[in-house]
C-alpha atoms as a PDB file:
ATOM      1  CA  MET A   1      77.774  84.267 123.170  1.00  0.00           C
ATOM      2  CA  LEU A   2      81.455  84.862 123.511  1.00  0.00           C
ATOM      3  CA  VAL A   3      83.159  87.407 121.243  1.00  0.00           C
ATOM      4  CA  LEU A   4      86.570  89.063 121.122  1.00  0.00           C
ATOM      5  CA  LYS A   5      86.765  92.845 120.901  1.00  0.00           C
ATOM      6  CA  LYS A   6      89.711  95.157 120.662  1.00  0.00           C
ATOM      7  CA  TYR A   7      90.630  97.618 123.377  1.00  0.00           C
ATOM      8  CA  ASN A   8      88.909 101.021 123.282  1.00  0.00           C
ATOM      9  CA  THR A   9      85.462  99.458 122.778  1.00  0.00           C
ATOM     10  CA  ASP A  10      84.071 100.369 126.277  1.00  0.00           C
ATOM     11  CA  ILE A  11      86.571 102.380 128.216  1.00  0.00           C
ATOM     12  CA  GLU A  12      84.666 102.147 131.582  1.00  0.00           C
ATOM     13  CA  LYS A  13      84.453  98.359 131.577  1.00  0.00           C
ATOM     14  CA  GLU A  14      87.999  97.801 130.187  1.00  0.00           C
ATOM     15  CA  TRP A  15      89.407 100.081 132.885  1.00  0.00           C
ATOM     16  CA  ALA A  16      87.549  98.225 135.703  1.00  0.00           C
ATOM     17  CA  PHE A  17      88.725  94.914 134.261  1.00  0.00           C
ATOM     18  CA  VAL A  18      92.445  95.653 134.045  1.00  0.00           C
ATOM     19  CA  ARG A  19      92.423  97.625 137.280  1.00  0.00           C
ATOM     20  CA  ASP A  20      91.309  94.489 139.093  1.00  0.00           C
ATOM     21  CA  MET A  21      93.626  92.023 137.192  1.00  0.00           C
ATOM     22  CA  PRO A  22      96.482  90.755 139.363  1.00  0.00           C
ATOM     23  CA  GLU A  23      99.888  92.295 138.903  1.00  0.00           C
ATOM     24  CA  ASP A  24     101.250  88.842 137.986  1.00  0.00           C
ATOM     25  CA  GLU A  25      99.428  85.603 137.690  1.00  0.00           C
ATOM     26  CA  ASN A  26     100.898  82.501 136.103  1.00  0.00           C
ATOM     27  CA  GLY A  27     103.501  84.611 134.343  1.00  0.00           C
ATOM     28  CA  LEU A  28     101.081  87.099 132.836  1.00  0.00           C
ATOM     29  CA  THR A  29     102.009  90.518 134.116  1.00  0.00           C
ATOM     30  CA  ASN A  30      99.717  93.491 134.419  1.00  0.00           C
ATOM     31  CA  SER A  31     101.349  96.888 134.886  1.00  0.00           C
ATOM     32  CA  LEU A  32      97.870  98.522 135.082  1.00  0.00           C
ATOM     33  CA  HIS A  33      96.821  96.862 138.380  1.00  0.00           C
ATOM     34  CA  GLY A  34      95.135  99.581 140.407  1.00  0.00           C
ATOM     35  CA  VAL A  35      95.332 102.186 137.636  1.00  0.00           C
ATOM     36  CA  SER A  36      93.128 105.284 137.863  1.00  0.00           C
ATOM     37  CA  LYS A  37      90.470 105.757 135.243  1.00  0.00           C
ATOM     38  CA  GLU A  38      92.115 109.008 134.134  1.00  0.00           C
ATOM     39  CA  ASP A  39      95.515 107.353 133.619  1.00  0.00           C
ATOM     40  CA  PHE A  40      93.949 104.412 131.865  1.00  0.00           C
ATOM     41  CA  GLU A  41      92.096 106.619 129.409  1.00  0.00           C
ATOM     42  CA  LYS A  42      94.806 109.256 128.809  1.00  0.00           C
ATOM     43  CA  LYS A  43      97.946 107.123 129.027  1.00  0.00           C
ATOM     44  CA  ALA A  44      97.249 103.376 128.869  1.00  0.00           C
ATOM     45  CA  VAL A  45      94.855 103.315 125.896  1.00  0.00           C
ATOM     46  CA  PRO A  46      97.167 105.496 123.632  1.00  0.00           C
ATOM     47  CA  GLU A  47      99.997 103.167 124.640  1.00  0.00           C
ATOM     48  CA  MET A  48      98.013 100.143 123.543  1.00  0.00           C
ATOM     49  CA  ILE A  49      97.339 101.886 120.191  1.00  0.00           C
ATOM     50  CA  ASN A  50     101.036 102.518 119.752  1.00  0.00           C
ATOM     51  CA  GLN A  51     102.024  99.034 120.808  1.00  0.00           C
ATOM     52  CA  GLU A  52      99.748  97.552 118.136  1.00  0.00           C
ATOM     53  CA  LYS A  53     101.234  99.865 115.482  1.00  0.00           C
ATOM     54  CA  GLY A  54     104.778  99.247 116.765  1.00  0.00           C
ATOM     55  CA  VAL A  55     105.644 102.883 117.376  1.00  0.00           C
ATOM     56  CA  ASP A  56     107.132 104.670 120.407  1.00  0.00           C
ATOM     57  CA  MET A  57     108.106 101.455 122.064  1.00  0.00           C
ATOM     58  CA  PRO A  58     111.280 100.318 123.872  1.00  0.00           C
ATOM     59  CA  ASP A  59     113.685  98.352 121.661  1.00  0.00           C
ATOM     60  CA  TRP A  60     113.022  95.144 123.585  1.00  0.00           C
ATOM     61  CA  MET A  61     109.255  95.152 122.935  1.00  0.00           C
ATOM     62  CA  VAL A  62     107.427  93.828 119.873  1.00  0.00           C
ATOM     63  CA  PRO A  63     104.049  95.000 118.549  1.00  0.00           C
ATOM     64  CA  GLN A  64     101.154  93.578 120.549  1.00  0.00           C
ATOM     65  CA  THR A  65      97.412  93.420 120.003  1.00  0.00           C
ATOM     66  CA  ILE A  66      95.171  93.312 123.141  1.00  0.00           C
ATOM     67  CA  LEU A  67      91.732  91.718 122.926  1.00  0.00           C
ATOM     68  CA  TYR A  68      89.018  91.392 125.499  1.00  0.00           C
ATOM     69  CA  LEU A  69      86.744  88.387 125.706  1.00  0.00           C
ATOM     70  CA  TRP A  70      83.114  89.476 126.162  1.00  0.00           C
ATOM     71  CA  GLU A  71      80.002  87.508 127.168  1.00  0.00           C
ATOM     72  CA  ASN A  72      77.110  89.655 126.347  1.00  0.00           C
ATOM     73  CA  ASP A  73      77.849  92.976 128.180  1.00  0.00           C
ATOM     74  CA  LYS A  74      80.556  91.555 130.536  1.00  0.00           C
ATOM     75  CA  ILE A  75      84.322  91.257 130.057  1.00  0.00           C
ATOM     76  CA  VAL A  76      85.403  87.839 131.191  1.00  0.00           C
ATOM     77  CA  GLY A  77      88.999  87.696 129.923  1.00  0.00           C
ATOM     78  CA  GLN A  78      91.911  89.345 128.210  1.00  0.00           C
ATOM     79  CA  PHE A  79      94.046  87.892 125.392  1.00  0.00           C
ATOM     80  CA  ARG A  80      97.336  89.287 124.090  1.00  0.00           C
ATOM     81  CA  ILE A  81      98.933  88.600 120.723  1.00  0.00           C
ATOM     82  CA  ARG A  82     102.625  89.427 120.261  1.00  0.00           C
ATOM     83  CA  HIS A  83     103.038  89.963 116.515  1.00  0.00           C
ATOM     84  CA  TYR A  84     106.331  88.088 116.079  1.00  0.00           C
ATOM     85  CA  LEU A  85     109.059  86.489 118.123  1.00  0.00           C
ATOM     86  CA  THR A  86     112.341  87.817 119.410  1.00  0.00           C
ATOM     87  CA  GLU A  87     114.919  85.312 120.695  1.00  0.00           C
ATOM     88  CA  ALA A  88     113.704  86.001 124.212  1.00  0.00           C
ATOM     89  CA  LEU A  89     110.102  85.334 123.272  1.00  0.00           C
ATOM     90  CA  ARG A  90     111.011  82.269 121.271  1.00  0.00           C
ATOM     91  CA  ASN A  91     112.583  80.828 124.392  1.00  0.00           C
ATOM     92  CA  GLY A  92     110.096  82.289 126.756  1.00  0.00           C
ATOM     93  CA  ALA A  93     106.518  83.578 126.813  1.00  0.00           C
ATOM     94  CA  GLY A  94     105.879  83.148 123.039  1.00  0.00           C
ATOM     95  CA  HIS A  95     103.126  84.775 121.039  1.00  0.00           C
ATOM     96  CA  ILE A  96     100.023  84.526 123.221  1.00  0.00           C
ATOM     97  CA  GLY A  97      99.155  85.214 126.823  1.00  0.00           C
ATOM     98  CA  TYR A  98      95.723  85.324 128.453  1.00  0.00           C
ATOM     99  CA  PHE A  99      93.782  85.855 131.664  1.00  0.00           C
ATOM    100  CA  ILE A 100      90.295  84.711 132.659  1.00  0.00           C
ATOM    101  CA  LYS A 101      88.484  86.161 135.676  1.00  0.00           C
ATOM    102  CA  LYS A 102      88.319  83.639 138.556  1.00  0.00           C
ATOM    103  CA  GLU A 103      84.515  83.337 138.552  1.00  0.00           C
ATOM    104  CA  TYR A 104      84.543  82.310 134.859  1.00  0.00           C
ATOM    105  CA  ARG A 105      87.272  79.677 135.091  1.00  0.00           C
ATOM    106  CA  GLY A 106      86.538  75.963 134.524  1.00  0.00           C
ATOM    107  CA  LYS A 107      83.592  76.721 132.320  1.00  0.00           C
ATOM    108  CA  GLY A 108      85.204  76.635 128.846  1.00  0.00           C
ATOM    109  CA  TYR A 109      85.728  80.393 128.500  1.00  0.00           C
ATOM    110  CA  ALA A 110      89.524  80.063 128.199  1.00  0.00           C
ATOM    111  CA  THR A 111      89.288  77.299 125.550  1.00  0.00           C
ATOM    112  CA  GLU A 112      86.846  79.265 123.411  1.00  0.00           C
ATOM    113  CA  GLY A 113      88.727  82.530 123.982  1.00  0.00           C
ATOM    114  CA  LEU A 114      92.006  80.951 122.861  1.00  0.00           C
ATOM    115  CA  ARG A 115      90.292  79.440 119.797  1.00  0.00           C
ATOM    116  CA  LEU A 116      88.992  82.915 118.822  1.00  0.00           C
ATOM    117  CA  THR A 117      92.391  84.523 119.523  1.00  0.00           C
ATOM    118  CA  LEU A 118      94.138  81.955 117.257  1.00  0.00           C
ATOM    119  CA  ASP A 119      91.749  82.881 114.428  1.00  0.00           C
ATOM    120  CA  VAL A 120      92.851  86.528 114.815  1.00  0.00           C
ATOM    121  CA  ALA A 121      96.583  85.660 115.246  1.00  0.00           C
ATOM    122  CA  ARG A 122      96.761  83.589 112.030  1.00  0.00           C
ATOM    123  CA  ASP A 123      96.586  86.925 110.116  1.00  0.00           C
ATOM    124  CA  ILE A 124      99.196  88.578 112.281  1.00  0.00           C
ATOM    125  CA  VAL A 125     101.849  86.071 113.288  1.00  0.00           C
ATOM    126  CA  PRO A 126     104.549  85.293 110.675  1.00  0.00           C
ATOM    127  CA  GLU A 127     105.872  82.107 112.210  1.00  0.00           C
ATOM    128  CA  THR A 128     104.486  78.710 111.083  1.00  0.00           C
ATOM    129  CA  GLU A 129     103.621  77.806 114.682  1.00  0.00           C
ATOM    130  CA  PHE A 130     102.190  79.665 117.641  1.00  0.00           C
ATOM    131  CA  TYR A 131     104.506  79.569 120.610  1.00  0.00           C
ATOM    132  CA  LEU A 132     102.939  79.403 124.103  1.00  0.00           C
ATOM    133  CA  ARG A 133     104.322  78.735 127.580  1.00  0.00           C
ATOM    134  CA  VAL A 134     102.458  77.466 130.600  1.00  0.00           C
ATOM    135  CA  ASN A 135     103.491  76.959 134.249  1.00  0.00           C
ATOM    136  CA  LYS A 136     103.737  73.317 135.294  1.00  0.00           C
ATOM    137  CA  ASP A 137     101.546  74.052 138.286  1.00  0.00           C
ATOM    138  CA  ASN A 138      98.724  75.211 135.944  1.00  0.00           C
ATOM    139  CA  PRO A 139      97.396  72.011 134.363  1.00  0.00           C
ATOM    140  CA  ALA A 140      94.061  73.696 133.515  1.00  0.00           C
ATOM    141  CA  SER A 141      95.717  76.141 131.154  1.00  0.00           C
ATOM    142  CA  LEU A 142      97.779  73.343 129.597  1.00  0.00           C
ATOM    143  CA  ARG A 143      94.520  71.519 128.853  1.00  0.00           C
ATOM    144  CA  VAL A 144      93.145  74.676 127.234  1.00  0.00           C
ATOM    145  CA  MET A 145      96.101  74.777 124.898  1.00  0.00           C
ATOM    146  CA  GLN A 146      95.934  71.025 124.108  1.00  0.00           C
ATOM    147  CA  LYS A 147      92.209  71.353 123.294  1.00  0.00           C
ATOM    148  CA  ASN A 148      93.197  73.958 120.676  1.00  0.00           C
ATOM    149  CA  GLY A 149      95.738  71.630 119.086  1.00  0.00           C
ATOM    150  CA  GLY A 150      98.706  72.424 121.330  1.00  0.00           C
ATOM    151  CA  LYS A 151     101.601  69.998 121.734  1.00  0.00           C
ATOM    152  CA  ILE A 152     104.263  70.027 124.336  1.00  0.00           C
ATOM    153  CA  VAL A 153     107.663  70.439 122.638  1.00  0.00           C
ATOM    154  CA  GLY A 154     109.900  71.105 125.615  1.00  0.00           C
ATOM    155  CA  GLU A 155     110.119  72.080 129.252  1.00  0.00           C
ATOM    156  CA  ASP A 156     112.285  73.691 131.894  1.00  0.00           C
ATOM    157  CA  GLU A 157     112.130  73.534 135.660  1.00  0.00           C
ATOM    158  CA  GLY A 158     108.868  75.513 135.942  1.00  0.00           C
ATOM    159  CA  HIS A 159     107.258  75.510 132.478  1.00  0.00           C
ATOM    160  CA  PHE A 160     106.000  73.517 129.564  1.00  0.00           C
ATOM    161  CA  PHE A 161     106.587  74.958 126.045  1.00  0.00           C
ATOM    162  CA  VAL A 162     103.645  74.388 123.677  1.00  0.00           C
ATOM    163  CA  ARG A 163     103.290  74.757 119.909  1.00  0.00           C
ATOM    164  CA  ILE A 164     100.093  75.102 117.892  1.00  0.00           C
ATOM    165  CA  THR A 165     100.186  74.987 114.062  1.00  0.00           C
ATOM    166  CA  ASN A 166      99.515  78.311 112.383  1.00  0.00           C
ATOM    167  CA  PRO A 167      97.115  77.650 109.411  1.00  0.00           C
ATOM    168  CA  GLY A 168      97.710  81.161 108.146  1.00  0.00           C
ATOM    169  CA  LYS A 169     100.823  79.952 106.359  1.00  0.00           C
ATOM    170  CA  ASP A 170      98.786  77.930 103.808  1.00  0.00           C
ATOM    171  CA  ARG A 171      97.722  80.811 101.578  1.00  0.00           C
ATOM    172  CA  ARG A 172      97.731  81.328  97.825  1.00  0.00           C
ATOM    173  CA  ILE A 173     100.527  83.646  96.715  1.00  0.00           C
ATOM    174  CA  HIS A 174      99.958  85.911  93.719  1.00  0.00           C
ATOM    175  CA  LEU A 175     101.431  89.068  92.246  1.00  0.00           C
ATOM    176  CA  GLU A 176      99.748  92.261  91.114  1.00  0.00           C
ATOM    177  CA  GLU A 177     101.546  94.993  89.300  1.00  0.00           C
ATOM    178  CA  VAL A 178     101.685  98.296  91.098  1.00  0.00           C
ATOM    179  CA  ASP A 179      98.824 100.572  90.032  1.00  0.00           C
ATOM    180  CA  PRO A 180      96.752 103.543  91.356  1.00  0.00           C
ATOM    181  CA  GLY A 181      94.760 101.146  93.610  1.00  0.00           C
ATOM    182  CA  ASN A 182      97.633  99.556  95.523  1.00  0.00           C
ATOM    183  CA  TRP A 183     100.722 101.790  95.437  1.00  0.00           C
ATOM    184  CA  ARG A 184      99.857 103.409  98.803  1.00  0.00           C
ATOM    185  CA  ILE A 185      99.637 100.145 100.757  1.00  0.00           C
ATOM    186  CA  PRO A 186     101.577 100.559 104.037  1.00  0.00           C
ATOM    187  CA  PHE A 187     104.138  97.875 104.802  1.00  0.00           C
ATOM    188  CA  TYR A 188     105.959  97.150 108.047  1.00  0.00           C
ATOM    189  CA  LEU A 189     109.679  96.339 108.242  1.00  0.00           C
ATOM    190  CA  LEU A 190     111.316  94.833 111.267  1.00  0.00           C
ATOM    191  CA  GLU A 191     114.163  96.799 112.782  1.00  0.00           C
ATOM    192  CA  GLU A 192     116.614  94.145 111.638  1.00  0.00           C
ATOM    193  CA  GLN A 193     115.178  94.343 108.040  1.00  0.00           C
ATOM    194  CA  LYS A 194     115.691  98.083 107.778  1.00  0.00           C
ATOM    195  CA  HIS A 195     119.460  97.779 107.432  1.00  0.00           C
ATOM    196  CA  TYR A 196     119.149  95.326 104.544  1.00  0.00           C
ATOM    197  CA  VAL A 197     116.150  96.212 102.419  1.00  0.00           C
ATOM    198  CA  SER A 198     114.608  99.366 101.007  1.00  0.00           C
ATOM    199  CA  ASN A 199     111.071 100.382 101.935  1.00  0.00           C
ATOM    200  CA  SER A 200     108.199 100.669  99.479  1.00  0.00           C
ATOM    201  CA  ALA A 201     108.834 104.351  98.801  1.00  0.00           C
ATOM    202  CA  VAL A 202     112.371 103.670  97.636  1.00  0.00           C
ATOM    203  CA  LEU A 203     111.185 100.708  95.585  1.00  0.00           C
ATOM    204  CA  LEU A 204     108.581 102.826  93.793  1.00  0.00           C
ATOM    205  CA  ALA A 205     111.068 105.632  93.150  1.00  0.00           C
ATOM    206  CA  ARG A 206     113.514 103.173  91.670  1.00  0.00           C
ATOM    207  CA  ALA A 207     110.751 101.672  89.464  1.00  0.00           C
ATOM    208  CA  PHE A 208     110.107 105.167  88.124  1.00  0.00           C
ATOM    209  CA  ALA A 209     113.802 105.928  87.636  1.00  0.00           C
ATOM    210  CA  TYR A 210     114.226 102.742  85.502  1.00  0.00           C
ATOM    211  CA  ARG A 211     110.951 102.944  83.644  1.00  0.00           C
ATOM    212  CA  ASN A 212     112.854 103.128  80.347  1.00  0.00           C
ATOM    213  CA  GLN A 213     114.479  99.768  81.218  1.00  0.00           C
ATOM    214  CA  ARG A 214     110.970  98.156  81.379  1.00  0.00           C
ATOM    215  CA  SER A 215     110.757  98.207  85.148  1.00  0.00           C
ATOM    216  CA  ARG A 216     108.035  96.072  86.662  1.00  0.00           C
ATOM    217  CA  ALA A 217     107.000  96.615  90.236  1.00  0.00           C
ATOM    218  CA  PHE A 218     104.714  94.199  92.068  1.00  0.00           C
ATOM    219  CA  VAL A 219     102.717  93.912  95.305  1.00  0.00           C
ATOM    220  CA  ILE A 220     102.899  90.380  96.632  1.00  0.00           C
ATOM    221  CA  TYR A 221      99.621  88.973  98.050  1.00  0.00           C
ATOM    222  CA  ALA A 222      98.782  85.994 100.211  1.00  0.00           C
ATOM    223  CA  ASP A 223      95.135  85.528  99.307  1.00  0.00           C
ATOM    224  CA  ASP A 224      93.844  89.072  99.677  1.00  0.00           C
ATOM    225  CA  THR A 225      96.469  90.265 102.132  1.00  0.00           C
ATOM    226  CA  PRO A 226      99.398  92.340 100.800  1.00  0.00           C
ATOM    227  CA  VAL A 227     102.614  90.885 102.254  1.00  0.00           C
ATOM    228  CA  GLY A 228     105.441  92.423 100.294  1.00  0.00           C
ATOM    229  CA  MET A 229     106.783  94.059  97.149  1.00  0.00           C
ATOM    230  CA  ALA A 230     109.222  93.280  94.376  1.00  0.00           C
ATOM    231  CA  LEU A 231     110.917  95.082  91.449  1.00  0.00           C
ATOM    232  CA  TYR A 232     112.943  94.052  88.409  1.00  0.00           C
ATOM    233  CA  TYR A 233     114.069  95.673  85.174  1.00  0.00           C
ATOM    234  CA  ASP A 234     116.414  95.197  82.227  1.00  0.00           C
ATOM    235  CA  ILE A 235     120.223  95.795  82.295  1.00  0.00           C
ATOM    236  CA  ASP A 236     120.873  96.157  78.568  1.00  0.00           C
ATOM    237  CA  ASP A 237     124.615  96.500  78.990  1.00  0.00           C
ATOM    238  CA  TYR A 238     124.818  93.133  80.624  1.00  0.00           C
ATOM    239  CA  LYS A 239     122.050  91.546  78.603  1.00  0.00           C
ATOM    240  CA  ALA A 240     120.419  90.514  81.873  1.00  0.00           C
ATOM    241  CA  TYR A 241     117.543  91.267  84.301  1.00  0.00           C
ATOM    242  CA  ASP A 242     118.173  93.086  87.561  1.00  0.00           C
ATOM    243  CA  PHE A 243     116.071  91.599  90.403  1.00  0.00           C
ATOM    244  CA  SER A 244     116.537  94.948  92.108  1.00  0.00           C
ATOM    245  CA  GLN A 245     114.215  95.143  95.127  1.00  0.00           C
ATOM    246  CA  PHE A 246     112.371  92.533  97.108  1.00  0.00           C
ATOM    247  CA  PHE A 247     110.895  92.360 100.652  1.00  0.00           C
ATOM    248  CA  ILE A 248     108.305  90.626 102.711  1.00  0.00           C
ATOM    249  CA  ASP A 249     106.484  92.584 105.412  1.00  0.00           C
ATOM    250  CA  GLY A 250     107.893  91.841 108.880  1.00  0.00           C
ATOM    251  CA  ARG A 251     104.563  90.515 110.097  1.00  0.00           C
ATOM    252  CA  TYR A 252     104.451  87.764 107.394  1.00  0.00           C
ATOM    253  CA  GLN A 253     107.999  86.339 107.274  1.00  0.00           C
ATOM    254  CA  ARG A 254     109.013  82.719 107.824  1.00  0.00           C
ATOM    255  CA  ARG A 255     105.955  81.323 106.011  1.00  0.00           C
ATOM    256  CA  GLY A 256     107.596  80.626 102.671  1.00  0.00           C
ATOM    257  CA  TYR A 257     105.976  83.638 100.989  1.00  0.00           C
ATOM    258  CA  GLY A 258     109.274  85.113  99.907  1.00  0.00           C
ATOM    259  CA  ILE A 259     110.666  82.140  98.080  1.00  0.00           C
ATOM    260  CA  THR A 260     107.281  81.378  96.431  1.00  0.00           C
ATOM    261  CA  ALA A 261     106.925  84.969  95.152  1.00  0.00           C
ATOM    262  CA  ALA A 262     110.599  85.010  93.966  1.00  0.00           C
ATOM    263  CA  LYS A 263     110.048  81.836  91.900  1.00  0.00           C
ATOM    264  CA  MET A 264     107.025  83.411  90.324  1.00  0.00           C
ATOM    265  CA  ILE A 265     109.020  86.443  89.286  1.00  0.00           C
ATOM    266  CA  LEU A 266     111.832  84.363  87.904  1.00  0.00           C
ATOM    267  CA  ASP A 267     109.244  82.484  85.847  1.00  0.00           C
ATOM    268  CA  MET A 268     108.046  85.830  84.488  1.00  0.00           C
ATOM    269  CA  MET A 269     111.553  86.620  83.336  1.00  0.00           C
ATOM    270  CA  LYS A 270     111.780  83.241  81.616  1.00  0.00           C
ATOM    271  CA  THR A 271     108.437  83.798  79.870  1.00  0.00           C
ATOM    272  CA  ASP A 272     109.538  87.275  78.777  1.00  0.00           C
ATOM    273  CA  GLY A 273     112.620  85.685  77.224  1.00  0.00           C
ATOM    274  CA  ARG A 274     114.638  88.724  76.433  1.00  0.00           C
ATOM    275  CA  TYR A 275     117.653  87.640  78.517  1.00  0.00           C
ATOM    276  CA  ASP A 276     118.944  84.312  79.927  1.00  0.00           C
ATOM    277  CA  LYS A 277     120.377  85.496  83.249  1.00  0.00           C
ATOM    278  CA  VAL A 278     119.453  87.653  86.168  1.00  0.00           C
ATOM    279  CA  TYR A 279     121.535  89.589  88.743  1.00  0.00           C
ATOM    280  CA  LEU A 280     120.748  90.691  92.245  1.00  0.00           C
ATOM    281  CA  CYS A 281     122.633  92.144  95.258  1.00  0.00           C
ATOM    282  CA  TYR A 282     122.419  91.653  98.980  1.00  0.00           C
ATOM    283  CA  ILE A 283     124.114  93.300 101.942  1.00  0.00           C
ATOM    284  CA  ASP A 284     126.691  91.103 103.733  1.00  0.00           C
ATOM    285  CA  GLY A 285     125.167  89.855 106.970  1.00  0.00           C
ATOM    286  CA  ASN A 286     121.696  89.281 105.519  1.00  0.00           C
ATOM    287  CA  ASP A 287     121.958  85.540 105.879  1.00  0.00           C
ATOM    288  CA  ALA A 288     118.228  84.914 105.403  1.00  0.00           C
ATOM    289  CA  ALA A 289     118.339  86.545 101.970  1.00  0.00           C
ATOM    290  CA  ARG A 290     121.517  84.722 100.992  1.00  0.00           C
ATOM    291  CA  HIS A 291     120.068  81.334 101.930  1.00  0.00           C
ATOM    292  CA  MET A 292     116.946  82.037  99.937  1.00  0.00           C
ATOM    293  CA  TYR A 293     118.868  83.145  96.894  1.00  0.00           C
ATOM    294  CA  GLU A 294     121.086  80.123  97.025  1.00  0.00           C
ATOM    295  CA  LYS A 295     118.009  77.874  97.124  1.00  0.00           C
ATOM    296  CA  LEU A 296     116.809  79.684  93.976  1.00  0.00           C
ATOM    297  CA  GLY A 297     120.086  78.877  92.202  1.00  0.00           C
ATOM    298  CA  PHE A 298     121.892  82.181  92.508  1.00  0.00           C
ATOM    299  CA  LYS A 299     125.663  82.074  92.848  1.00  0.00           C
ATOM    300  CA  PRO A 300     128.086  84.868  93.899  1.00  0.00           C
ATOM    301  CA  THR A 301     130.042  86.470  91.092  1.00  0.00           C
ATOM    302  CA  GLY A 302     132.898  87.467  93.358  1.00  0.00           C
ATOM    303  CA  GLU A 303     132.203  91.133  92.747  1.00  0.00           C
ATOM    304  CA  GLU A 304     130.537  93.848  94.809  1.00  0.00           C
ATOM    305  CA  ASP A 305     128.434  96.901  93.952  1.00  0.00           C
ATOM    306  CA  GLU A 306     128.747  99.765  96.419  1.00  0.00           C
ATOM    307  CA  GLY A 307     129.469  97.236  99.158  1.00  0.00           C
ATOM    308  CA  GLU A 308     126.700  94.793  98.213  1.00  0.00           C
ATOM    309  CA  ILE A 309     127.468  91.264  97.158  1.00  0.00           C
ATOM    310  CA  ILE A 310     126.463  90.448  93.585  1.00  0.00           C
ATOM    311  CA  MET A 311     124.865  87.089  92.677  1.00  0.00           C
ATOM    312  CA  VAL A 312     123.789  85.736  89.252  1.00  0.00           C
ATOM    313  CA  LYS A 313     121.486  82.995  88.047  1.00  0.00           C
ATOM    314  CA  GLU A 314     121.210  81.476  84.613  1.00  0.00           C
ATOM    315  CA  LEU A 315     117.653  81.233  83.313  1.00  0.00           C
ATOM    316  CA  ALA A 316     116.731  78.073  81.466  1.00  0.00           C
ATOM    317  CA  ARG A 317     114.847  78.885  78.258  1.00  0.00           C
ATOM    318  CA  GLY A 318     111.104  77.983  78.382  1.00  0.00           C
ATOM    319  CA  GLY A 319     109.061  76.131  80.953  1.00  0.00           C
ATOM    320  CA  ALA A 320     108.394  76.997  84.541  1.00  0.00           C
ATOM    321  CA  HIS A 321     110.860  77.400  87.355  1.00  0.00           C
ATOM    322  CA  SER A 322     111.955  73.944  88.427  1.00  0.00           C
ATOM    323  CA  GLU A 323     113.906  74.482  91.639  1.00  0.00           C
END
């Protein structure tokens, strides 16, 4: 039976496997070729842990989960999941890379290993498709991808670029108010997000500060997975709501979760019915947020608040959000 296991399951066997992996085969590089057991245990494994968490990494790297494909007590392959795409990965290696030991090739191990990896990746990868790349002189690997639903969408001189639909995007979105059971949930912000949105600690502090203005803070869920947070409260002086804070975890963006959750919050405001308009702000340069707010019917007021651009939306009385 084939199963995927994370690194740090059996140090001895993992070390022997990566030590003997080629330095570079079909575009999959292995910086641990020939590594000593001591360096693997004391340096490589802690680096893998940090890579998965996205800490202490070079700026050009993205978080990565490394999985080993086991058959009974033997490691037969390694699979890597890059958690999200940079521009370089989008036009290059993509989300997933893998290696199968030579003696196990041509026996279906790669096909099953990729299937198992995709099941894991659907809960990690935010994009609506998995991006993969394969050398043109490696038709066996191309067939593995195609057996898992892969379609060729482009090519260059030496590669085919393949896409596989990510079914993780089709999840039920729901909101739960912040309570003693969920306020400590850790969220991950991409580096490019940190300039534009506040983290969960700031959101919770703001909710407390505006508690007398009926602040409501929410955790956004996709099925049972927490994927973001939101906050709104009353602005009595303007007879309006302030849609103050909103973010989607960097691992779960580009799936439509943000706009779905925002519509649900706007519907809550309509149901509440105290005011008939809502304000929000965004930082200039945050084009993704601006596009989403425009889709929701927000329009710029022409004013700014501490350098942030103010937008407003009129709320239709009664009924659900119709945009």
